[in-house]
Amino acid sequence: KPTPVKTEPKPTPVKTEPKPTPVNAPIKGAFRIHLLDWPSRLDLKSGQLALLADIQEEKADKQYRYFVGNFATKAEAEKELAEIKNLGFKTASVVPQH
């Protein structure tokens, strides 16, 4: 009579649904794209800025600084940078998030 082989029960992988990111919560990335600096506040809903979503505006040193994106890697940001430059932001550059 053959001896039955004992097999360990395989653990069932637990499927976890990814938690949706709240719409208002910024996704923290390591890099973003600096669009431009301007001495006065710009209307984000007009001109070339209207072509972009989720523009971040910061005031520093009597200048308004405009950024877009939150990218995990510099490579991701540089890929988007090419598109941004095609929209007319010729001086745009990838900068670290701070």
C-alpha atoms as a PDB file:
ATOM      1  CA  LYS A   1       0.000   0.000   0.000  1.00  0.00           C
ATOM      2  CA  PRO A   2       1.665   3.289  -1.040  1.00  0.00           C
ATOM      3  CA  THR A   3       2.107   5.969   1.570  1.00  0.00           C
ATOM      4  CA  PRO A   4       0.110   9.098   0.695  1.00  0.00           C
ATOM      5  CA  VAL A   5       2.309  12.096   0.060  1.00  0.00           C
ATOM      6  CA  LYS A   6       1.488  14.994   2.319  1.00  0.00           C
ATOM      7  CA  THR A   7       1.220  18.269   0.467  1.00  0.00           C
ATOM      8  CA  GLU A   8       1.164  21.550   2.237  1.00  0.00           C
ATOM      9  CA  PRO A   9      -1.822  23.682   1.330  1.00  0.00           C
ATOM     10  CA  LYS A  10      -0.746  26.527  -0.889  1.00  0.00           C
ATOM     11  CA  PRO A  11      -1.478  29.926   0.595  1.00  0.00           C
ATOM     12  CA  THR A  12      -4.081  31.767  -1.401  1.00  0.00           C
ATOM     13  CA  PRO A  13      -2.699  35.112  -2.541  1.00  0.00           C
ATOM     14  CA  VAL A  14      -4.685  37.937  -1.055  1.00  0.00           C
ATOM     15  CA  LYS A  15      -5.828  40.405  -3.646  1.00  0.00           C
ATOM     16  CA  THR A  16      -5.785  43.923  -2.392  1.00  0.00           C
ATOM     17  CA  GLU A  17      -7.408  46.642  -4.385  1.00  0.00           C
ATOM     18  CA  PRO A  18      -5.188  49.670  -4.863  1.00  0.00           C
ATOM     19  CA  LYS A  19      -6.504  52.571  -2.869  1.00  0.00           C
ATOM     20  CA  PRO A  20      -7.665  55.343  -5.164  1.00  0.00           C
ATOM     21  CA  THR A  21      -5.781  58.585  -4.751  1.00  0.00           C
ATOM     22  CA  PRO A  22      -8.156  61.355  -3.715  1.00  0.00           C
ATOM     23  CA  VAL A  23      -8.597  63.856  -6.533  1.00  0.00           C
ATOM     24  CA  ASN A  24      -7.312  66.756  -4.443  1.00  0.00           C
ATOM     25  CA  ALA A  25      -4.284  64.941  -3.062  1.00  0.00           C
ATOM     26  CA  PRO A  26      -1.070  65.728  -4.930  1.00  0.00           C
ATOM     27  CA  ILE A  27       0.895  62.691  -5.979  1.00  0.00           C
ATOM     28  CA  LYS A  28       4.353  63.140  -4.558  1.00  0.00           C
ATOM     29  CA  GLY A  29       7.019  62.596  -7.131  1.00  0.00           C
ATOM     30  CA  ALA A  30      10.700  63.340  -7.085  1.00  0.00           C
ATOM     31  CA  PHE A  31      10.669  65.630 -10.138  1.00  0.00           C
ATOM     32  CA  ARG A  32       8.494  68.238 -11.816  1.00  0.00           C
ATOM     33  CA  ILE A  33       8.736  70.552 -14.793  1.00  0.00           C
ATOM     34  CA  HIS A  34       9.490  74.226 -14.275  1.00  0.00           C
ATOM     35  CA  LEU A  35       7.570  76.094 -16.960  1.00  0.00           C
ATOM     36  CA  LEU A  36       8.543  79.713 -16.363  1.00  0.00           C
ATOM     37  CA  ASP A  37       9.015  82.595 -13.933  1.00  0.00           C
ATOM     38  CA  TRP A  38       7.032  85.806 -14.355  1.00  0.00           C
ATOM     39  CA  PRO A  39       7.062  89.128 -12.492  1.00  0.00           C
ATOM     40  CA  SER A  40       3.263  89.221 -12.187  1.00  0.00           C
ATOM     41  CA  ARG A  41       0.614  86.574 -11.705  1.00  0.00           C
ATOM     42  CA  LEU A  42      -0.555  84.832 -14.882  1.00  0.00           C
ATOM     43  CA  ASP A  43      -4.047  83.614 -15.727  1.00  0.00           C
ATOM     44  CA  LEU A  44      -3.803  79.824 -15.734  1.00  0.00           C
ATOM     45  CA  LYS A  45      -6.894  79.565 -17.923  1.00  0.00           C
ATOM     46  CA  SER A  46      -5.587  81.597 -20.835  1.00  0.00           C
ATOM     47  CA  GLY A  47      -2.892  81.314 -23.464  1.00  0.00           C
ATOM     48  CA  GLN A  48      -0.469  78.411 -23.426  1.00  0.00           C
ATOM     49  CA  LEU A  49      -1.054  77.748 -19.719  1.00  0.00           C
ATOM     50  CA  ALA A  50      -4.658  76.800 -20.539  1.00  0.00           C
ATOM     51  CA  LEU A  51      -3.289  73.819 -22.502  1.00  0.00           C
ATOM     52  CA  LEU A  52      -1.982  72.218 -19.294  1.00  0.00           C
ATOM     53  CA  ALA A  53      -3.757  70.746 -16.283  1.00  0.00           C
ATOM     54  CA  ASP A  54      -2.754  70.955 -12.619  1.00  0.00           C
ATOM     55  CA  ILE A  55      -0.304  73.830 -12.891  1.00  0.00           C
ATOM     56  CA  GLN A  56       1.355  74.682  -9.594  1.00  0.00           C
ATOM     57  CA  GLU A  57       1.991  78.357  -8.884  1.00  0.00           C
ATOM     58  CA  GLU A  58       4.504  79.483  -6.270  1.00  0.00           C
ATOM     59  CA  LYS A  59       5.570  82.976  -5.327  1.00  0.00           C
ATOM     60  CA  ALA A  60       9.252  83.414  -4.579  1.00  0.00           C
ATOM     61  CA  ASP A  61      11.594  86.408  -4.712  1.00  0.00           C
ATOM     62  CA  LYS A  62       8.929  88.734  -6.178  1.00  0.00           C
ATOM     63  CA  GLN A  63       8.430  86.273  -9.030  1.00  0.00           C
ATOM     64  CA  TYR A  64       5.655  83.848  -9.769  1.00  0.00           C
ATOM     65  CA  ARG A  65       7.022  80.427 -10.630  1.00  0.00           C
ATOM     66  CA  TYR A  66       4.956  77.914 -12.593  1.00  0.00           C
ATOM     67  CA  PHE A  67       5.409  74.143 -12.469  1.00  0.00           C
ATOM     68  CA  VAL A  68       3.573  71.095 -13.773  1.00  0.00           C
ATOM     69  CA  GLY A  69       3.709  67.387 -12.990  1.00  0.00           C
ATOM     70  CA  ASN A  70       4.896  65.065 -10.261  1.00  0.00           C
ATOM     71  CA  PHE A  71       7.191  62.415 -11.698  1.00  0.00           C
ATOM     72  CA  ALA A  72       8.790  59.498  -9.873  1.00  0.00           C
ATOM     73  CA  THR A  73      11.853  59.508 -12.120  1.00  0.00           C
ATOM     74  CA  LYS A  74      13.787  62.083 -14.078  1.00  0.00           C
ATOM     75  CA  ALA A  75      13.304  59.952 -17.216  1.00  0.00           C
ATOM     76  CA  GLU A  76       9.497  60.217 -16.893  1.00  0.00           C
ATOM     77  CA  ALA A  77       9.751  63.978 -16.439  1.00  0.00           C
ATOM     78  CA  GLU A  78      12.065  64.349 -19.443  1.00  0.00           C
ATOM     79  CA  LYS A  79       9.633  62.397 -21.607  1.00  0.00           C
ATOM     80  CA  GLU A  80       6.867  64.842 -20.677  1.00  0.00           C
ATOM     81  CA  LEU A  81       9.265  67.789 -21.051  1.00  0.00           C
ATOM     82  CA  ALA A  82       9.508  67.122 -24.784  1.00  0.00           C
ATOM     83  CA  GLU A  83       5.715  67.473 -25.051  1.00  0.00           C
ATOM     84  CA  ILE A  84       5.728  70.632 -22.935  1.00  0.00           C
ATOM     85  CA  LYS A  85       8.375  72.208 -25.182  1.00  0.00           C
ATOM     86  CA  ASN A  86       6.274  71.311 -28.241  1.00  0.00           C
ATOM     87  CA  LEU A  87       3.436  73.340 -26.692  1.00  0.00           C
ATOM     88  CA  GLY A  88       5.681  76.401 -26.753  1.00  0.00           C
ATOM     89  CA  PHE A  89       7.353  76.379 -23.340  1.00  0.00           C
ATOM     90  CA  LYS A  90      10.841  76.551 -24.867  1.00  0.00           C
ATOM     91  CA  THR A  91      12.641  77.329 -21.577  1.00  0.00           C
ATOM     92  CA  ALA A  92      10.915  74.605 -19.547  1.00  0.00           C
ATOM     93  CA  SER A  93      13.206  72.301 -17.573  1.00  0.00           C
ATOM     94  CA  VAL A  94      13.077  69.303 -15.220  1.00  0.00           C
ATOM     95  CA  VAL A  95      13.708  70.238 -11.585  1.00  0.00           C
ATOM     96  CA  PRO A  96      13.730  68.238  -8.345  1.00  0.00           C
ATOM     97  CA  GLN A  97      10.593  68.443  -6.214  1.00  0.00           C
ATOM     98  CA  HIS A  98      11.166  70.234  -2.912  1.00  0.00           C
END
